[in-house]
PDB file of N, CA and C in Angstrom:
ATOM      1  N   MET A   1      -2.544  68.900  66.269  1.00  0.00           N
ATOM      2  CA  MET A   1      -3.103  69.288  67.700  1.00  0.00           C
ATOM      3  C   MET A   1      -2.816  68.496  69.062  1.00  0.00           C
ATOM      4  N   GLY A   2      -2.329  68.818  69.834  1.00  0.00           N
ATOM      5  CA  GLY A   2      -1.722  68.402  70.712  1.00  0.00           C
ATOM      6  C   GLY A   2      -2.844  68.696  71.930  1.00  0.00           C
ATOM      7  N   VAL A   3      -3.165  67.665  72.721  1.00  0.00           N
ATOM      8  CA  VAL A   3      -4.208  67.841  73.688  1.00  0.00           C
ATOM      9  C   VAL A   3      -3.606  67.079  75.082  1.00  0.00           C
ATOM     10  N   SER A   4      -3.560  68.076  75.833  1.00  0.00           N
ATOM     11  CA  SER A   4      -3.464  67.645  77.281  1.00  0.00           C
ATOM     12  C   SER A   4      -4.458  67.335  78.360  1.00  0.00           C
ATOM     13  N   LEU A   5      -4.297  66.589  79.213  1.00  0.00           N
ATOM     14  CA  LEU A   5      -5.300  66.010  80.121  1.00  0.00           C
ATOM     15  C   LEU A   5      -4.626  65.976  81.180  1.00  0.00           C
ATOM     16  N   PRO A   6      -4.627  66.623  82.605  1.00  0.00           N
ATOM     17  CA  PRO A   6      -4.212  66.324  83.801  1.00  0.00           C
ATOM     18  C   PRO A   6      -4.539  65.067  84.262  1.00  0.00           C
ATOM     19  N   LEU A   7      -4.019  64.059  83.713  1.00  0.00           N
ATOM     20  CA  LEU A   7      -4.282  62.532  84.056  1.00  0.00           C
ATOM     21  C   LEU A   7      -4.001  61.940  85.307  1.00  0.00           C
ATOM     22  N   GLU A   8      -2.920  62.557  85.747  1.00  0.00           N
ATOM     23  CA  GLU A   8      -2.417  62.429  87.489  1.00  0.00           C
ATOM     24  C   GLU A   8      -3.378  62.991  88.155  1.00  0.00           C
ATOM     25  N   LYS A   9      -4.250  64.020  87.669  1.00  0.00           N
ATOM     26  CA  LYS A   9      -5.327  64.692  88.823  1.00  0.00           C
ATOM     27  C   LYS A   9      -6.712  63.864  88.940  1.00  0.00           C
ATOM     28  N   MET A  10      -6.723  63.130  87.193  1.00  0.00           N
ATOM     29  CA  MET A  10      -8.098  62.728  87.381  1.00  0.00           C
ATOM     30  C   MET A  10      -8.637  61.240  88.072  1.00  0.00           C
ATOM     31  N   SER A  11      -9.751  60.999  88.669  1.00  0.00           N
ATOM     32  CA  SER A  11      -9.967  59.927  89.140  1.00  0.00           C
ATOM     33  C   SER A  11     -10.143  58.863  87.838  1.00  0.00           C
ATOM     34  N   ARG A  12     -10.086  57.479  88.389  1.00  0.00           N
ATOM     35  CA  ARG A  12     -10.274  56.456  87.379  1.00  0.00           C
ATOM     36  C   ARG A  12     -11.757  56.808  86.618  1.00  0.00           C
ATOM     37  N   GLN A  13     -12.693  57.251  87.724  1.00  0.00           N
ATOM     38  CA  GLN A  13     -14.209  57.534  87.042  1.00  0.00           C
ATOM     39  C   GLN A  13     -14.060  58.190  85.843  1.00  0.00           C
ATOM     40  N   GLU A  14     -13.365  59.628  86.130  1.00  0.00           N
ATOM     41  CA  GLU A  14     -13.111  60.960  85.195  1.00  0.00           C
ATOM     42  C   GLU A  14     -12.385  60.189  83.912  1.00  0.00           C
ATOM     43  N   LYS A  15     -11.473  59.403  84.188  1.00  0.00           N
ATOM     44  CA  LYS A  15     -10.867  58.844  82.887  1.00  0.00           C
ATOM     45  C   LYS A  15     -11.746  58.034  82.563  1.00  0.00           C
ATOM     46  N   LEU A  16     -12.428  56.912  82.776  1.00  0.00           N
ATOM     47  CA  LEU A  16     -13.361  56.210  82.238  1.00  0.00           C
ATOM     48  C   LEU A  16     -14.351  56.927  81.586  1.00  0.00           C
ATOM     49  N   GLN A  17     -15.078  58.055  81.975  1.00  0.00           N
ATOM     50  CA  GLN A  17     -15.745  58.939  81.416  1.00  0.00           C
ATOM     51  C   GLN A  17     -15.506  59.892  80.148  1.00  0.00           C
ATOM     52  N   VAL A  18     -13.781  60.140  80.098  1.00  0.00           N
ATOM     53  CA  VAL A  18     -13.544  60.869  78.936  1.00  0.00           C
ATOM     54  C   VAL A  18     -13.397  59.875  78.031  1.00  0.00           C
ATOM     55  N   MET A  19     -12.889  58.518  78.356  1.00  0.00           N
ATOM     56  CA  MET A  19     -12.608  57.655  77.147  1.00  0.00           C
ATOM     57  C   MET A  19     -14.187  57.211  76.576  1.00  0.00           C
ATOM     58  N   GLU A  20     -15.346  57.196  77.293  1.00  0.00           N
ATOM     59  CA  GLU A  20     -16.487  56.773  77.066  1.00  0.00           C
ATOM     60  C   GLU A  20     -16.757  58.062  75.998  1.00  0.00           C
ATOM     61  N   SER A  21     -16.827  59.126  76.114  1.00  0.00           N
ATOM     62  CA  SER A  21     -17.008  60.608  75.706  1.00  0.00           C
ATOM     63  C   SER A  21     -16.180  60.171  74.046  1.00  0.00           C
ATOM     64  N   LEU A  22     -14.896  59.917  74.263  1.00  0.00           N
ATOM     65  CA  LEU A  22     -14.214  59.806  72.855  1.00  0.00           C
ATOM     66  C   LEU A  22     -15.049  58.649  72.125  1.00  0.00           C
ATOM     67  N   TRP A  23     -15.248  57.663  72.679  1.00  0.00           N
ATOM     68  CA  TRP A  23     -15.899  56.588  71.928  1.00  0.00           C
ATOM     69  C   TRP A  23     -16.955  56.851  71.407  1.00  0.00           C
ATOM     70  N   ASP A  24     -17.690  57.353  72.087  1.00  0.00           N
ATOM     71  CA  ASP A  24     -19.223  57.761  71.576  1.00  0.00           C
ATOM     72  C   ASP A  24     -18.654  58.978  70.333  1.00  0.00           C
ATOM     73  N   ASP A  25     -17.995  59.635  70.262  1.00  0.00           N
ATOM     74  CA  ASP A  25     -17.472  60.376  69.202  1.00  0.00           C
ATOM     75  C   ASP A  25     -17.052  60.265  68.207  1.00  0.00           C
ATOM     76  N   LEU A  26     -16.420  59.030  68.349  1.00  0.00           N
ATOM     77  CA  LEU A  26     -15.620  58.100  67.081  1.00  0.00           C
ATOM     78  C   LEU A  26     -16.595  57.720  66.298  1.00  0.00           C
ATOM     79  N   CYS A  27     -17.489  56.823  67.355  1.00  0.00           N
ATOM     80  CA  CYS A  27     -18.740  56.058  66.730  1.00  0.00           C
ATOM     81  C   CYS A  27     -19.729  56.843  65.806  1.00  0.00           C
ATOM     82  N   GLY A  28     -19.743  58.183  65.843  1.00  0.00           N
ATOM     83  CA  GLY A  28     -20.375  58.987  65.215  1.00  0.00           C
ATOM     84  C   GLY A  28     -19.962  59.187  63.643  1.00  0.00           C
ATOM     85  N   GLN A  29     -18.858  58.837  63.859  1.00  0.00           N
ATOM     86  CA  GLN A  29     -17.967  58.985  62.558  1.00  0.00           C
ATOM     87  C   GLN A  29     -17.643  57.833  61.943  1.00  0.00           C
ATOM     88  N   ALA A  30     -17.809  56.719  62.130  1.00  0.00           N
ATOM     89  CA  ALA A  30     -17.716  55.153  61.811  1.00  0.00           C
ATOM     90  C   ALA A  30     -17.418  55.066  60.367  1.00  0.00           C
ATOM     91  N   GLU A  31     -18.203  55.436  59.586  1.00  0.00           N
ATOM     92  CA  GLU A  31     -17.848  55.422  58.210  1.00  0.00           C
ATOM     93  C   GLU A  31     -16.560  55.887  57.677  1.00  0.00           C
ATOM     94  N   GLN A  32     -15.977  56.799  58.531  1.00  0.00           N
ATOM     95  CA  GLN A  32     -14.716  57.542  58.211  1.00  0.00           C
ATOM     96  C   GLN A  32     -13.822  56.449  58.708  1.00  0.00           C
ATOM     97  N   LEU A  33     -13.550  55.861  59.505  1.00  0.00           N
ATOM     98  CA  LEU A  33     -12.790  54.981  60.323  1.00  0.00           C
ATOM     99  C   LEU A  33     -12.522  53.637  59.488  1.00  0.00           C
ATOM    100  N   GLN A  34     -11.211  53.424  59.296  1.00  0.00           N
ATOM    101  CA  GLN A  34     -10.789  52.043  58.500  1.00  0.00           C
ATOM    102  C   GLN A  34     -10.240  51.007  60.070  1.00  0.00           C
ATOM    103  N   SER A  35     -10.519  50.007  60.018  1.00  0.00           N
ATOM    104  CA  SER A  35     -10.065  49.154  60.853  1.00  0.00           C
ATOM    105  C   SER A  35      -8.904  48.673  60.276  1.00  0.00           C
ATOM    106  N   PRO A  36      -7.882  48.186  61.145  1.00  0.00           N
ATOM    107  CA  PRO A  36      -6.475  47.312  60.541  1.00  0.00           C
ATOM    108  C   PRO A  36      -6.631  46.128  60.267  1.00  0.00           C
ATOM    109  N   ASP A  37      -6.092  45.697  59.444  1.00  0.00           N
ATOM    110  CA  ASP A  37      -6.362  43.964  59.158  1.00  0.00           C
ATOM    111  C   ASP A  37      -6.138  43.106  60.425  1.00  0.00           C
ATOM    112  N   TRP A  38      -5.262  43.721  61.109  1.00  0.00           N
ATOM    113  CA  TRP A  38      -5.120  42.550  62.473  1.00  0.00           C
ATOM    114  C   TRP A  38      -6.455  42.533  63.248  1.00  0.00           C
ATOM    115  N   HIS A  39      -7.392  43.549  62.939  1.00  0.00           N
ATOM    116  CA  HIS A  39      -8.453  43.915  63.861  1.00  0.00           C
ATOM    117  C   HIS A  39      -9.592  42.568  62.959  1.00  0.00           C
ATOM    118  N   ARG A  40      -9.428  42.578  62.070  1.00  0.00           N
ATOM    119  CA  ARG A  40     -10.441  41.380  61.346  1.00  0.00           C
ATOM    120  C   ARG A  40      -9.954  40.174  61.485  1.00  0.00           C
ATOM    121  N   SER A  41      -8.796  39.916  61.501  1.00  0.00           N
ATOM    122  CA  SER A  41      -8.301  38.940  61.919  1.00  0.00           C
ATOM    123  C   SER A  41      -8.410  38.135  63.044  1.00  0.00           C
ATOM    124  N   LEU A  42      -8.329  39.182  64.263  1.00  0.00           N
ATOM    125  CA  LEU A  42      -8.939  38.757  65.642  1.00  0.00           C
ATOM    126  C   LEU A  42     -10.621  38.845  65.639  1.00  0.00           C
ATOM    127  N   LEU A  43     -11.251  39.371  65.134  1.00  0.00           N
ATOM    128  CA  LEU A  43     -12.597  39.112  65.103  1.00  0.00           C
ATOM    129  C   LEU A  43     -13.135  37.743  64.284  1.00  0.00           C
ATOM    130  N   GLU A  44     -12.382  37.771  63.352  1.00  0.00           N
ATOM    131  CA  GLU A  44     -12.834  36.244  63.013  1.00  0.00           C
ATOM    132  C   GLU A  44     -12.578  35.071  63.601  1.00  0.00           C
ATOM    133  N   GLU A  45     -11.268  35.258  64.166  1.00  0.00           N
ATOM    134  CA  GLU A  45     -10.783  34.177  65.092  1.00  0.00           C
ATOM    135  C   GLU A  45     -11.857  34.035  66.310  1.00  0.00           C
ATOM    136  N   ARG A  46     -12.383  34.824  66.835  1.00  0.00           N
ATOM    137  CA  ARG A  46     -13.224  34.897  67.888  1.00  0.00           C
ATOM    138  C   ARG A  46     -14.678  34.700  67.519  1.00  0.00           C
ATOM    139  N   ALA A  47     -15.186  34.743  66.258  1.00  0.00           N
ATOM    140  CA  ALA A  47     -16.544  34.540  65.834  1.00  0.00           C
ATOM    141  C   ALA A  47     -16.348  32.823  65.749  1.00  0.00           C
ATOM    142  N   GLY A  48     -15.133  32.558  65.221  1.00  0.00           N
ATOM    143  CA  GLY A  48     -14.764  30.885  65.063  1.00  0.00           C
ATOM    144  C   GLY A  48     -15.060  30.097  66.613  1.00  0.00           C
ATOM    145  N   ILE A  49     -14.745  30.918  67.248  1.00  0.00           N
ATOM    146  CA  ILE A  49     -14.722  30.416  68.775  1.00  0.00           C
ATOM    147  C   ILE A  49     -16.294  30.523  69.311  1.00  0.00           C
ATOM    148  N   LEU A  50     -16.848  31.286  68.881  1.00  0.00           N
ATOM    149  CA  LEU A  50     -18.018  31.374  68.950  1.00  0.00           C
ATOM    150  C   LEU A  50     -19.114  30.136  68.572  1.00  0.00           C
ATOM    151  N   ARG A  51     -18.660  29.913  67.049  1.00  0.00           N
ATOM    152  CA  ARG A  51     -19.426  29.031  66.488  1.00  0.00           C
ATOM    153  C   ARG A  51     -19.255  27.838  66.957  1.00  0.00           C
ATOM    154  N   GLU A  52     -18.161  27.378  67.445  1.00  0.00           N
ATOM    155  CA  GLU A  52     -17.908  26.239  67.831  1.00  0.00           C
ATOM    156  C   GLU A  52     -18.091  25.719  69.470  1.00  0.00           C
ATOM    157  N   GLY A  53     -18.637  26.886  69.875  1.00  0.00           N
ATOM    158  CA  GLY A  53     -19.362  26.898  71.203  1.00  0.00           C
ATOM    159  C   GLY A  53     -18.554  26.988  72.370  1.00  0.00           C
ATOM    160  N   GLY A  54     -17.596  27.736  72.175  1.00  0.00           N
ATOM    161  CA  GLY A  54     -16.548  28.421  72.919  1.00  0.00           C
ATOM    162  C   GLY A  54     -16.852  29.872  73.215  1.00  0.00           C
ATOM    163  N   GLY A  55     -16.352  30.450  74.438  1.00  0.00           N
ATOM    164  CA  GLY A  55     -16.246  31.965  74.581  1.00  0.00           C
ATOM    165  C   GLY A  55     -17.630  32.067  75.063  1.00  0.00           C
ATOM    166  N   GLU A  56     -18.035  33.734  75.604  1.00  0.00           N
ATOM    167  CA  GLU A  56     -19.212  33.989  76.218  1.00  0.00           C
ATOM    168  C   GLU A  56     -19.543  35.500  75.650  1.00  0.00           C
ATOM    169  N   LEU A  57     -20.443  35.798  75.130  1.00  0.00           N
ATOM    170  CA  LEU A  57     -20.700  36.891  75.118  1.00  0.00           C
ATOM    171  C   LEU A  57     -21.348  37.848  76.033  1.00  0.00           C
ATOM    172  N   LYS A  58     -21.189  38.925  76.044  1.00  0.00           N
ATOM    173  CA  LYS A  58     -21.699  39.775  77.578  1.00  0.00           C
ATOM    174  C   LYS A  58     -22.562  41.155  76.403  1.00  0.00           C
ATOM    175  N   GLU A  59     -23.537  41.733  77.172  1.00  0.00           N
ATOM    176  CA  GLU A  59     -24.188  42.902  76.996  1.00  0.00           C
ATOM    177  C   GLU A  59     -22.941  43.866  77.155  1.00  0.00           C
ATOM    178  N   TRP A  60     -22.955  44.678  75.967  1.00  0.00           N
ATOM    179  CA  TRP A  60     -21.959  46.061  76.630  1.00  0.00           C
ATOM    180  C   TRP A  60     -22.080  46.902  77.711  1.00  0.00           C
ATOM    181  N   ASP A  61     -23.557  46.835  78.053  1.00  0.00           N
ATOM    182  CA  ASP A  61     -23.639  47.865  79.494  1.00  0.00           C
ATOM    183  C   ASP A  61     -22.911  47.003  80.646  1.00  0.00           C
ATOM    184  N   ASP A  62     -23.475  45.687  80.716  1.00  0.00           N
ATOM    185  CA  ASP A  62     -23.024  44.810  81.255  1.00  0.00           C
ATOM    186  C   ASP A  62     -21.251  44.943  81.723  1.00  0.00           C
ATOM    187  N   ALA A  63     -20.553  44.794  80.543  1.00  0.00           N
ATOM    188  CA  ALA A  63     -19.340  44.960  80.243  1.00  0.00           C
ATOM    189  C   ALA A  63     -18.912  46.247  80.977  1.00  0.00           C
ATOM    190  N   LYS A  64     -19.118  47.435  80.312  1.00  0.00           N
ATOM    191  CA  LYS A  64     -18.638  48.556  80.842  1.00  0.00           C
ATOM    192  C   LYS A  64     -18.862  48.449  82.374  1.00  0.00           C
ATOM    193  N   LYS A  65     -20.198  48.180  83.204  1.00  0.00           N
ATOM    194  CA  LYS A  65     -20.191  48.352  84.595  1.00  0.00           C
ATOM    195  C   LYS A  65     -18.812  47.156  85.381  1.00  0.00           C
ATOM    196  N   ARG A  66     -18.888  46.065  84.813  1.00  0.00           N
ATOM    197  CA  ARG A  66     -17.538  45.492  85.117  1.00  0.00           C
ATOM    198  C   ARG A  66     -16.382  46.098  85.027  1.00  0.00           C
ATOM    199  N   ILE A  67     -15.947  46.553  84.005  1.00  0.00           N
ATOM    200  CA  ILE A  67     -14.731  47.417  83.772  1.00  0.00           C
ATOM    201  C   ILE A  67     -14.541  48.520  84.898  1.00  0.00           C
ATOM    202  N   ARG A  68     -15.864  49.331  84.924  1.00  0.00           N
ATOM    203  CA  ARG A  68     -15.694  50.248  85.939  1.00  0.00           C
ATOM    204  C   ARG A  68     -15.491  49.896  87.525  1.00  0.00           C
ATOM    205  N   ASN A  69     -16.160  48.553  87.882  1.00  0.00           N
ATOM    206  CA  ASN A  69     -15.989  48.074  89.248  1.00  0.00           C
ATOM    207  C   ASN A  69     -14.371  47.488  89.074  1.00  0.00           C
ATOM    208  N   ILE A  70     -14.176  46.890  88.245  1.00  0.00           N
ATOM    209  CA  ILE A  70     -12.919  46.589  88.485  1.00  0.00           C
ATOM    210  C   ILE A  70     -11.597  47.870  88.396  1.00  0.00           C
ATOM    211  N   CYS A  71     -12.219  48.754  88.014  1.00  0.00           N
ATOM    212  CA  CYS A  71     -10.973  50.220  88.172  1.00  0.00           C
ATOM    213  C   CYS A  71     -11.258  50.839  89.233  1.00  0.00           C
ATOM    214  N   GLU A  72     -12.480  50.755  90.289  1.00  0.00           N
ATOM    215  CA  GLU A  72     -12.509  51.789  91.279  1.00  0.00           C
ATOM    216  C   GLU A  72     -11.737  51.115  92.483  1.00  0.00           C
TER     217      GLU A  72
END
């Protein structure tokens, strides 16, 4: 099934809203999704950085606001 969106006519805000809707839908089916091996490796690497005192955690809502502000 092919889906076509008028991306060239959509604002950044509209595109982000579509992405968030897709993400929310996928999260509702999380048990059916399998992450690729590279994703586990990356998460383990980043967890190690945090254990060693590096890196910085952000609240998801704050991160989304920051992304939206960058894109506007």
